[in-house]
Amino acid sequence: MTTLLIIAVLVLGFMVVLRLSRVAELTGALRGHREEVISEQDNRTSGRLMWAFGAIYLIWFIWLPLEYHEVFLPQAASTQGVWIDAMYTFNWWMLGIVFFGTNIALFYFAGRYYHRDNRRAFWYPHNNKLELLWTVVPSVVLVGVIIYGLSVWNKITAAPAPGTMEVEIYSKQFDWTFRYPGKDGKLGATDFRLINADNPLGIVTRNTITNRLAELHEEVDKATAERDALAEVLPEDIKKKKSEEIAHLNRLIERIMGLRTLMEQDVATNGDNSTYLHGADDKVTKEFHLPVNTDVELIIRSQDVIHSAYLPHMRAQMNAVPGMATRMHLVPTITTDSMRTITGNPDFEYILLCNKVCGVSHYNMQSPLTVETAGAFKVWTIMLTPFEKAGVPPVEASSGGEATLSDTVKTEIAGGAEAAAGTNNQSN
């Protein structure tokens, strides 16, 4: 109701202004004033009003960021983010100087040189020196900005050092899945043709290939039996479509068998270094964690359409493109707990967003990110169940209903705790 009253008052106020302006016009006509003739006093008043408007306009631009700085992103939480912020700061200072300089000149000249009947503007059609000046100077500045931006971009996209930890970010409509390396410290190979309910990321192992082939053979047998059982009653176009589906499944089987052959050849050639031997102990989870002060390379894939992995607090973004893996690396520098202290918000969470409009539920495609100490991160990864349970044993439930840990897990957690203690001692 209040909103309707406010709208009604604004409409009525607008109508009153219109009527008053009409009254002013009629009054001028009665006095014999011509509408197109404006007095010097009116022009002077308009010029002073331009000065007043310009002052309010520029003050408002200064007040706005000062008043609403709380809604801006906090300080960058990654090394790469600091570089990005520095580049933005440089650009904003440069734009601010140009913005305030041109607008001050604009409002000053509008108020200073208002129209006077006894004064005419000087005709100044061309000046080669001025043309050269305002062409060369912006060009030089622009070249400098481009060089600065390219240097920052090259630092951000530079290849990480060998042995850098890899974490996979896997996107699909409309959620994120994450994959961490197991005890071997390496992510295994993937293939989209192996994706099914039990293998949502298409991780390649001997077991996943065998299971996928068995699943496809079962689908072929079922589809063939259905087609043959209804062969006498199905229209020709439907029978043709079913035959094409069966042919597609058979081609998929052949390609997966080719993948198995390729895997065995790669294993025979590279031995333990074969990427096909590193997938069994990978950790697949819906939670996103990263260790602080650690260089991490993010491998980004998509199952369906183009998504975009966007970490605003890290100032990092990379597209997730179907059929290929994109990469970006960053070094988180502030833990989640520390950022809660910095922002004064006990509920603060880093967040991963999709920055591409990927469908009707795009707005819901987000995941919290926890940045923690190296020791806490190690403990968290140990608690994750390996993809084929071939690495660290999972948590087992005791008869009393409480979770108990295997001796291996306890040992690794103790190692993680020692690492955490070492990290704290170094920071102190």
Protein backbone atom coordinates (compact mmCIF):
# COMPACT_ATOMS: atom_id res chain seq x y z
CA MET A 1 0.00 0.00 0.00
CA THR A 2 2.85 2.37 0.87
CA THR A 3 4.48 1.71 -2.49
CA LEU A 4 1.26 2.59 -4.32
CA LEU A 5 0.97 5.84 -2.35
CA ILE A 6 4.55 6.79 -3.20
CA ILE A 7 3.94 6.10 -6.89
CA ALA A 8 0.72 8.15 -6.79
CA VAL A 9 2.51 11.10 -5.15
CA LEU A 10 5.30 10.98 -7.75
CA VAL A 11 2.78 10.89 -10.61
CA LEU A 12 0.83 13.80 -9.15
CA GLY A 13 4.02 15.77 -8.59
CA PHE A 14 5.04 15.23 -12.20
CA MET A 15 1.62 16.41 -13.39
CA VAL A 16 1.89 19.53 -11.21
CA VAL A 17 5.29 20.37 -12.71
CA LEU A 18 3.86 20.00 -16.21
CA ARG A 19 0.95 22.30 -15.40
CA LEU A 20 3.22 24.92 -13.82
CA SER A 21 5.45 24.91 -16.88
CA ARG A 22 2.38 25.45 -19.04
CA VAL A 23 1.26 28.34 -16.82
CA ALA A 24 4.72 29.91 -17.19
CA GLU A 25 4.46 29.63 -20.98
CA LEU A 26 1.02 31.28 -21.04
CA THR A 27 2.23 34.05 -18.69
CA GLY A 28 5.14 34.78 -20.99
CA ALA A 29 2.83 34.89 -24.00
CA LEU A 30 0.53 37.37 -22.27
CA ARG A 31 3.52 39.59 -21.51
CA GLY A 32 4.54 39.53 -25.13
CA HIS A 33 7.65 37.38 -24.67
CA ARG A 34 8.59 35.16 -27.62
CA GLU A 35 9.28 31.55 -26.65
CA GLU A 36 12.44 31.25 -28.77
CA VAL A 37 13.98 34.38 -27.28
CA ILE A 38 15.88 33.70 -24.05
CA SER A 39 17.19 36.55 -21.96
CA GLU A 40 20.80 36.88 -20.86
CA GLN A 41 19.67 36.55 -17.25
CA ASP A 42 18.07 33.18 -18.01
CA ASN A 43 21.25 32.03 -19.75
CA ARG A 44 23.37 33.15 -16.80
CA THR A 45 21.07 31.29 -14.41
CA SER A 46 21.32 28.16 -16.57
CA GLY A 47 25.12 28.46 -16.52
CA ARG A 48 25.26 28.72 -12.74
CA LEU A 49 22.89 25.78 -12.46
CA MET A 50 25.26 23.77 -14.67
CA TRP A 51 28.04 24.51 -12.17
CA ALA A 52 25.80 23.43 -9.29
CA PHE A 53 24.74 20.27 -11.10
CA GLY A 54 28.34 19.44 -12.02
CA ALA A 55 29.47 19.83 -8.42
CA ILE A 56 26.66 17.61 -7.12
CA TYR A 57 27.33 15.09 -9.89
CA LEU A 58 31.04 14.74 -9.09
CA ILE A 59 30.49 14.72 -5.31
CA TRP A 60 27.94 11.95 -5.76
CA PHE A 61 30.49 9.89 -7.70
CA ILE A 62 32.95 10.26 -4.82
CA TRP A 63 30.34 9.55 -2.14
CA LEU A 64 28.91 6.44 -3.78
CA PRO A 65 31.92 4.08 -3.37
CA LEU A 66 32.71 5.53 0.07
CA GLU A 67 29.17 4.85 1.29
CA TYR A 68 28.74 1.39 -0.21
CA HIS A 69 32.25 -0.03 0.09
CA GLU A 70 30.89 -2.77 2.39
CA VAL A 71 29.13 -4.44 -0.55
CA PHE A 72 32.32 -4.64 -2.58
CA LEU A 73 34.38 -7.82 -2.62
CA PRO A 74 36.91 -8.05 0.23
CA GLN A 75 40.63 -8.12 -0.47
CA ALA A 76 41.82 -10.70 -2.98
CA ALA A 77 42.34 -14.13 -1.45
CA SER A 78 44.90 -15.44 -3.96
CA THR A 79 48.27 -14.37 -5.33
CA GLN A 80 46.80 -14.02 -8.81
CA GLY A 81 43.94 -11.98 -7.36
CA VAL A 82 46.39 -9.44 -5.94
CA TRP A 83 47.82 -8.96 -9.44
CA ILE A 84 44.32 -8.51 -10.88
CA ASP A 85 43.37 -5.98 -8.20
CA ALA A 86 46.57 -4.00 -8.80
CA MET A 87 45.77 -3.86 -12.51
CA TYR A 88 42.21 -2.73 -11.79
CA THR A 89 43.46 -0.06 -9.37
CA PHE A 90 45.85 1.28 -12.01
CA ASN A 91 43.06 1.42 -14.60
CA TRP A 92 40.60 3.07 -12.20
CA TRP A 93 43.10 5.80 -11.30
CA MET A 94 43.77 6.45 -14.96
CA LEU A 95 40.05 6.50 -15.83
CA GLY A 96 39.31 8.66 -12.78
CA ILE A 97 41.79 11.32 -13.85
CA VAL A 98 40.29 11.42 -17.36
CA PHE A 99 36.72 11.30 -16.04
CA PHE A 100 37.08 14.14 -13.55
CA GLY A 101 39.24 16.21 -15.89
CA THR A 102 36.82 16.06 -18.82
CA ASN A 103 33.70 16.54 -16.69
CA ILE A 104 35.12 19.50 -14.76
CA ALA A 105 36.04 21.10 -18.08
CA LEU A 106 32.59 20.28 -19.50
CA PHE A 107 30.62 21.90 -16.68
CA TYR A 108 33.03 24.83 -16.31
CA PHE A 109 32.82 25.82 -19.96
CA ALA A 110 29.03 25.32 -20.01
CA GLY A 111 28.65 27.75 -17.09
CA ARG A 112 31.41 30.18 -18.06
CA TYR A 113 30.53 30.73 -21.69
CA TYR A 114 26.75 31.00 -21.62
CA HIS A 115 25.14 32.83 -24.54
CA ARG A 116 25.30 36.61 -24.68
CA ASP A 117 23.69 38.68 -27.43
CA ASN A 118 26.78 40.86 -27.95
CA ARG A 119 29.25 38.00 -28.03
CA ARG A 120 30.03 35.44 -30.75
CA ALA A 121 32.01 32.21 -30.49
CA PHE A 122 35.42 32.12 -32.14
CA TRP A 123 35.44 29.95 -35.26
CA TYR A 124 38.23 27.39 -34.74
CA PRO A 125 37.80 24.64 -37.35
CA HIS A 126 41.11 22.78 -37.20
CA ASN A 127 44.50 22.51 -35.50
CA ASN A 128 47.03 19.89 -36.56
CA LYS A 129 48.98 20.09 -33.29
CA LEU A 130 45.89 19.46 -31.19
CA GLU A 131 44.80 16.62 -33.48
CA LEU A 132 48.24 15.03 -33.12
CA LEU A 133 48.25 15.57 -29.36
CA TRP A 134 44.92 13.92 -28.60
CA THR A 135 45.65 11.08 -31.01
CA VAL A 136 49.20 10.23 -29.93
CA VAL A 137 48.79 10.62 -26.16
CA PRO A 138 45.77 8.25 -25.83
CA SER A 139 47.49 5.78 -28.18
CA VAL A 140 50.66 5.73 -26.07
CA VAL A 141 48.63 5.33 -22.87
CA LEU A 142 46.57 2.53 -24.44
CA VAL A 143 49.72 0.69 -25.56
CA GLY A 144 51.05 0.94 -22.00
CA VAL A 145 47.80 -0.41 -20.57
CA ILE A 146 47.84 -3.32 -23.04
CA ILE A 147 51.46 -4.18 -22.22
CA TYR A 148 50.68 -4.09 -18.49
CA GLY A 149 47.59 -6.27 -18.98
CA LEU A 150 49.49 -8.79 -21.11
CA SER A 151 52.25 -9.05 -18.51
CA VAL A 152 49.67 -9.81 -15.80
CA TRP A 153 47.90 -12.29 -18.09
CA ASN A 154 51.16 -14.09 -18.88
CA LYS A 155 51.91 -14.42 -15.16
CA ILE A 156 48.44 -15.78 -14.45
CA THR A 157 48.44 -18.28 -17.32
CA ALA A 158 52.05 -19.40 -16.92
CA ALA A 159 52.49 -23.14 -16.58
CA PRO A 160 52.74 -24.23 -12.93
CA ALA A 161 55.84 -25.88 -11.58
CA PRO A 162 56.15 -29.65 -12.04
CA GLY A 163 54.47 -31.55 -9.23
CA THR A 164 51.82 -28.91 -8.64
CA MET A 165 48.71 -30.41 -7.06
CA GLU A 166 45.84 -30.91 -9.51
CA VAL A 167 42.15 -30.62 -8.65
CA GLU A 168 39.41 -31.27 -11.17
CA ILE A 169 36.27 -29.11 -11.30
CA TYR A 170 33.57 -30.97 -13.23
CA SER A 171 30.48 -29.06 -14.33
CA LYS A 172 27.09 -30.12 -15.60
CA GLN A 173 23.59 -28.69 -15.47
CA PHE A 174 23.29 -27.62 -12.70
CA ASP A 175 25.95 -28.61 -10.20
CA TRP A 176 29.67 -29.08 -9.58
CA THR A 177 31.66 -32.22 -8.79
CA PHE A 178 35.29 -32.23 -7.64
CA ARG A 179 38.06 -34.80 -8.00
CA TYR A 180 41.24 -34.96 -5.94
CA PRO A 181 44.28 -37.20 -6.45
CA GLY A 182 44.74 -40.18 -4.17
CA LYS A 183 47.89 -41.41 -2.46
CA ASP A 184 49.81 -41.42 -5.76
CA GLY A 185 49.30 -37.64 -6.02
CA LYS A 186 48.10 -37.82 -9.63
CA LEU A 187 44.70 -37.67 -11.29
CA GLY A 188 43.80 -40.56 -13.54
CA ALA A 189 42.65 -40.42 -17.15
CA THR A 190 39.00 -39.82 -18.06
CA ASP A 191 36.80 -40.58 -21.05
CA PHE A 192 33.23 -39.33 -21.53
CA ARG A 193 32.18 -42.69 -23.02
CA LEU A 194 32.60 -44.31 -19.60
CA ILE A 195 30.18 -41.95 -17.86
CA ASN A 196 27.31 -43.73 -16.13
CA ALA A 197 25.53 -43.70 -12.77
CA ASP A 198 28.51 -45.29 -11.00
CA ASN A 199 31.15 -43.25 -12.82
CA PRO A 200 29.82 -39.71 -13.28
CA LEU A 201 33.20 -38.29 -14.29
CA GLY A 202 34.19 -41.08 -16.71
CA ILE A 203 37.34 -42.12 -14.82
CA VAL A 204 39.30 -44.74 -16.79
CA THR A 205 40.30 -47.93 -14.99
CA ARG A 206 40.19 -51.58 -15.98
CA ASN A 207 37.09 -52.05 -13.83
CA THR A 208 35.19 -49.08 -15.26
CA ILE A 209 35.91 -50.26 -18.81
CA THR A 210 34.75 -53.79 -18.01
CA ASN A 211 31.61 -52.56 -16.25
CA ARG A 212 30.75 -50.13 -19.02
CA LEU A 213 31.17 -52.79 -21.71
CA ALA A 214 28.94 -55.18 -19.76
CA GLU A 215 26.35 -52.42 -19.38
CA LEU A 216 26.40 -51.65 -23.09
CA HIS A 217 26.19 -55.32 -24.10
CA GLU A 218 23.14 -55.63 -21.87
CA GLU A 219 21.57 -52.58 -23.51
CA VAL A 220 22.26 -54.02 -26.97
CA ASP A 221 20.71 -57.40 -26.06
CA LYS A 222 17.65 -55.73 -24.57
CA ALA A 223 17.14 -53.36 -27.52
CA THR A 224 17.63 -56.19 -30.03
CA ALA A 225 15.14 -58.45 -28.22
CA GLU A 226 12.53 -55.65 -28.10
CA ARG A 227 12.97 -54.87 -31.80
CA ASP A 228 12.76 -58.52 -32.87
CA ALA A 229 9.75 -59.25 -30.64
CA LEU A 230 7.77 -56.41 -32.22
CA ALA A 231 9.19 -56.74 -35.74
CA GLU A 232 5.85 -57.77 -37.25
CA VAL A 233 3.84 -54.87 -35.81
CA LEU A 234 6.33 -51.98 -35.80
CA PRO A 235 6.29 -49.48 -38.69
CA GLU A 236 9.38 -49.51 -40.88
CA ASP A 237 10.57 -46.11 -39.70
CA ILE A 238 10.41 -47.18 -36.04
CA LYS A 239 12.28 -50.41 -36.81
CA LYS A 240 14.89 -48.40 -38.69
CA LYS A 241 15.30 -46.04 -35.75
CA LYS A 242 15.73 -48.93 -33.30
CA SER A 243 18.29 -50.54 -35.60
CA GLU A 244 20.21 -47.28 -35.75
CA GLU A 245 20.21 -47.09 -31.93
CA ILE A 246 21.58 -50.63 -31.74
CA ALA A 247 24.25 -49.79 -34.31
CA HIS A 248 25.21 -46.72 -32.27
CA LEU A 249 25.61 -48.86 -29.14
CA ASN A 250 27.76 -51.35 -31.04
CA ARG A 251 29.99 -48.55 -32.31
CA LEU A 252 30.33 -47.29 -28.75
CA ILE A 253 31.34 -50.79 -27.63
CA GLU A 254 34.00 -50.93 -30.35
CA ARG A 255 35.41 -47.56 -29.32
CA ILE A 256 35.58 -48.52 -25.65
CA MET A 257 37.33 -51.74 -26.62
CA GLY A 258 39.77 -49.58 -28.57
CA LEU A 259 40.22 -47.45 -25.45
CA ARG A 260 41.03 -50.60 -23.48
CA THR A 261 43.65 -51.58 -26.05
CA LEU A 262 45.13 -48.09 -25.93
CA MET A 263 45.23 -48.22 -22.12
CA GLU A 264 47.05 -51.57 -22.07
CA GLN A 265 49.57 -50.33 -24.65
CA ASP A 266 50.20 -47.17 -22.62
CA VAL A 267 50.64 -49.19 -19.42
CA ALA A 268 53.06 -51.52 -21.18
CA THR A 269 55.06 -48.55 -22.49
CA ASN A 270 55.04 -46.22 -19.47
CA GLY A 271 54.55 -48.63 -16.58
CA ASP A 272 53.61 -46.93 -13.31
CA ASN A 273 53.79 -43.53 -15.01
CA SER A 274 50.79 -44.35 -17.20
CA THR A 275 47.93 -41.96 -16.47
CA TYR A 276 45.53 -44.92 -16.80
CA LEU A 277 46.84 -46.39 -13.53
CA HIS A 278 46.12 -43.34 -11.37
CA GLY A 279 42.32 -43.21 -11.44
CA ALA A 280 41.41 -45.98 -8.98
CA ASP A 281 42.42 -44.03 -5.88
CA ASP A 282 41.07 -40.64 -7.01
CA LYS A 283 38.66 -38.98 -4.58
CA VAL A 284 35.32 -37.77 -6.04
CA THR A 285 33.26 -35.45 -3.87
CA LYS A 286 30.68 -32.68 -3.91
CA GLU A 287 32.73 -30.57 -1.47
CA PHE A 288 35.34 -28.07 -2.62
CA HIS A 289 38.43 -27.58 -0.44
CA LEU A 290 41.81 -26.01 -1.19
CA PRO A 291 44.97 -25.69 0.95
CA VAL A 292 46.22 -22.20 1.76
CA ASN A 293 49.56 -20.93 0.36
CA THR A 294 49.74 -23.88 -2.03
CA ASP A 295 49.95 -23.64 -5.82
CA VAL A 296 46.96 -25.53 -7.20
CA GLU A 297 46.15 -26.24 -10.83
CA LEU A 298 42.44 -26.48 -11.51
CA ILE A 299 41.42 -28.75 -14.39
CA ILE A 300 37.97 -27.76 -15.59
CA ARG A 301 35.63 -29.93 -17.67
CA SER A 302 31.98 -29.86 -18.71
CA GLN A 303 29.59 -32.72 -19.42
CA ASP A 304 26.92 -30.86 -21.39
CA VAL A 305 27.11 -27.12 -22.26
CA ILE A 306 29.58 -24.28 -21.75
CA HIS A 307 29.85 -23.30 -18.10
CA SER A 308 32.31 -20.95 -16.44
CA ALA A 309 34.09 -21.64 -13.17
CA TYR A 310 34.16 -18.29 -11.37
CA LEU A 311 35.82 -17.71 -7.99
CA PRO A 312 35.14 -14.01 -7.29
CA HIS A 313 37.18 -13.80 -4.08
CA MET A 314 40.15 -15.35 -5.89
CA ARG A 315 39.59 -13.08 -8.92
CA ALA A 316 39.73 -16.22 -11.08
CA GLN A 317 37.54 -17.43 -13.91
CA MET A 318 37.83 -20.03 -16.67
CA ASN A 319 35.29 -21.46 -19.12
CA ALA A 320 34.30 -25.12 -18.86
CA VAL A 321 33.99 -26.36 -22.46
CA PRO A 322 32.49 -29.74 -23.45
CA GLY A 323 35.00 -32.05 -25.10
CA MET A 324 38.13 -30.42 -23.71
CA ALA A 325 39.87 -29.64 -20.43
CA THR A 326 40.72 -26.02 -19.59
CA ARG A 327 43.14 -25.09 -16.84
CA MET A 328 43.94 -22.30 -14.45
CA HIS A 329 46.21 -22.23 -11.45
CA LEU A 330 46.13 -20.09 -8.35
CA VAL A 331 47.62 -19.82 -4.88
CA PRO A 332 44.98 -19.24 -2.15
CA THR A 333 46.48 -16.94 0.46
CA ILE A 334 43.71 -16.43 3.06
CA THR A 335 41.87 -19.23 4.85
CA THR A 336 38.12 -19.16 5.23
CA ASP A 337 38.44 -18.60 8.99
CA SER A 338 40.86 -15.68 8.47
CA MET A 339 38.56 -14.08 5.91
CA ARG A 340 35.68 -14.31 8.40
CA THR A 341 37.81 -12.30 10.81
CA ILE A 342 38.81 -9.79 8.12
CA THR A 343 35.23 -9.22 6.95
CA GLY A 344 33.70 -9.41 10.43
CA ASN A 345 31.20 -11.92 9.07
CA PRO A 346 31.19 -15.23 10.99
CA ASP A 347 29.11 -16.84 8.22
CA PHE A 348 31.44 -15.85 5.37
CA GLU A 349 32.05 -18.53 2.72
CA TYR A 350 34.11 -18.47 -0.44
CA ILE A 351 31.95 -19.49 -3.37
CA LEU A 352 32.29 -21.10 -6.79
CA LEU A 353 29.77 -19.78 -9.31
CA CYS A 354 28.88 -20.52 -12.92
CA ASN A 355 29.38 -17.29 -14.85
CA LYS A 356 27.67 -18.44 -18.05
CA VAL A 357 23.89 -18.48 -18.48
CA CYS A 358 23.76 -22.27 -18.88
CA GLY A 359 20.03 -22.94 -18.50
CA VAL A 360 16.94 -22.34 -16.43
CA SER A 361 18.63 -23.24 -13.11
CA HIS A 362 21.88 -21.39 -13.83
CA TYR A 363 21.32 -19.17 -10.78
CA ASN A 364 21.44 -22.25 -8.54
CA MET A 365 24.78 -23.56 -9.85
CA GLN A 366 27.09 -22.67 -7.02
CA SER A 367 29.25 -24.42 -4.46
CA PRO A 368 30.98 -23.19 -1.26
CA LEU A 369 34.78 -23.31 -1.16
CA THR A 370 36.72 -23.96 2.03
CA VAL A 371 40.32 -22.72 2.16
CA GLU A 372 42.18 -24.27 5.08
CA THR A 373 45.67 -25.04 6.34
CA ALA A 374 47.69 -27.73 4.59
CA GLY A 375 47.34 -30.09 7.56
CA ALA A 376 43.56 -29.69 7.80
CA PHE A 377 43.28 -30.18 4.04
CA LYS A 378 45.30 -33.38 4.22
CA VAL A 379 43.08 -34.74 6.99
CA TRP A 380 39.99 -33.88 4.94
CA THR A 381 41.29 -35.65 1.81
CA ILE A 382 42.23 -38.73 3.82
CA MET A 383 38.64 -39.02 5.00
CA LEU A 384 37.36 -39.15 1.41
CA THR A 385 36.59 -42.56 -0.06
CA PRO A 386 38.77 -43.55 -3.06
CA PHE A 387 36.93 -44.05 -6.33
CA GLU A 388 37.46 -47.83 -6.33
CA LYS A 389 38.32 -48.09 -2.63
CA ALA A 390 41.77 -49.27 -3.63
CA GLY A 391 43.68 -46.61 -1.73
CA VAL A 392 42.95 -45.35 1.77
CA PRO A 393 40.25 -47.47 3.48
CA PRO A 394 36.99 -45.58 4.07
CA VAL A 395 35.45 -44.80 7.45
CA GLU A 396 33.68 -47.86 8.83
CA ALA A 397 30.70 -47.84 11.17
CA SER A 398 31.16 -49.63 14.48
CA SER A 399 28.48 -51.74 16.14
CA GLY A 400 27.84 -48.90 18.58
CA GLY A 401 26.90 -46.58 15.73
CA GLU A 402 30.04 -44.41 16.03
CA ALA A 403 32.47 -44.06 13.16
CA THR A 404 35.81 -45.85 13.65
CA LEU A 405 38.89 -45.39 11.52
CA SER A 406 41.21 -48.03 10.15
CA ASP A 407 44.81 -48.01 11.35
CA THR A 408 45.96 -46.66 7.97
CA VAL A 409 43.59 -43.72 8.17
CA LYS A 410 44.60 -43.00 11.76
CA THR A 411 48.26 -43.00 10.74
CA GLU A 412 47.68 -40.61 7.84
CA ILE A 413 45.51 -38.31 9.96
CA ALA A 414 48.28 -38.18 12.54
CA GLY A 415 50.65 -37.21 9.75
CA GLY A 416 48.19 -34.49 8.69
CA ALA A 417 48.01 -33.19 12.24
CA GLU A 418 51.81 -33.02 12.40
CA ALA A 419 51.84 -31.13 9.10
CA ALA A 420 49.27 -28.70 10.50
CA ALA A 421 51.36 -28.17 13.62
CA GLY A 422 54.43 -27.55 11.46
CA THR A 423 52.53 -25.02 9.38
CA ASN A 424 51.37 -23.17 12.50
CA ASN A 425 54.89 -23.11 13.93
CA GLN A 426 56.25 -21.64 10.70
CA SER A 427 53.54 -18.96 10.62
CA ASN A 428 54.30 -18.04 14.23
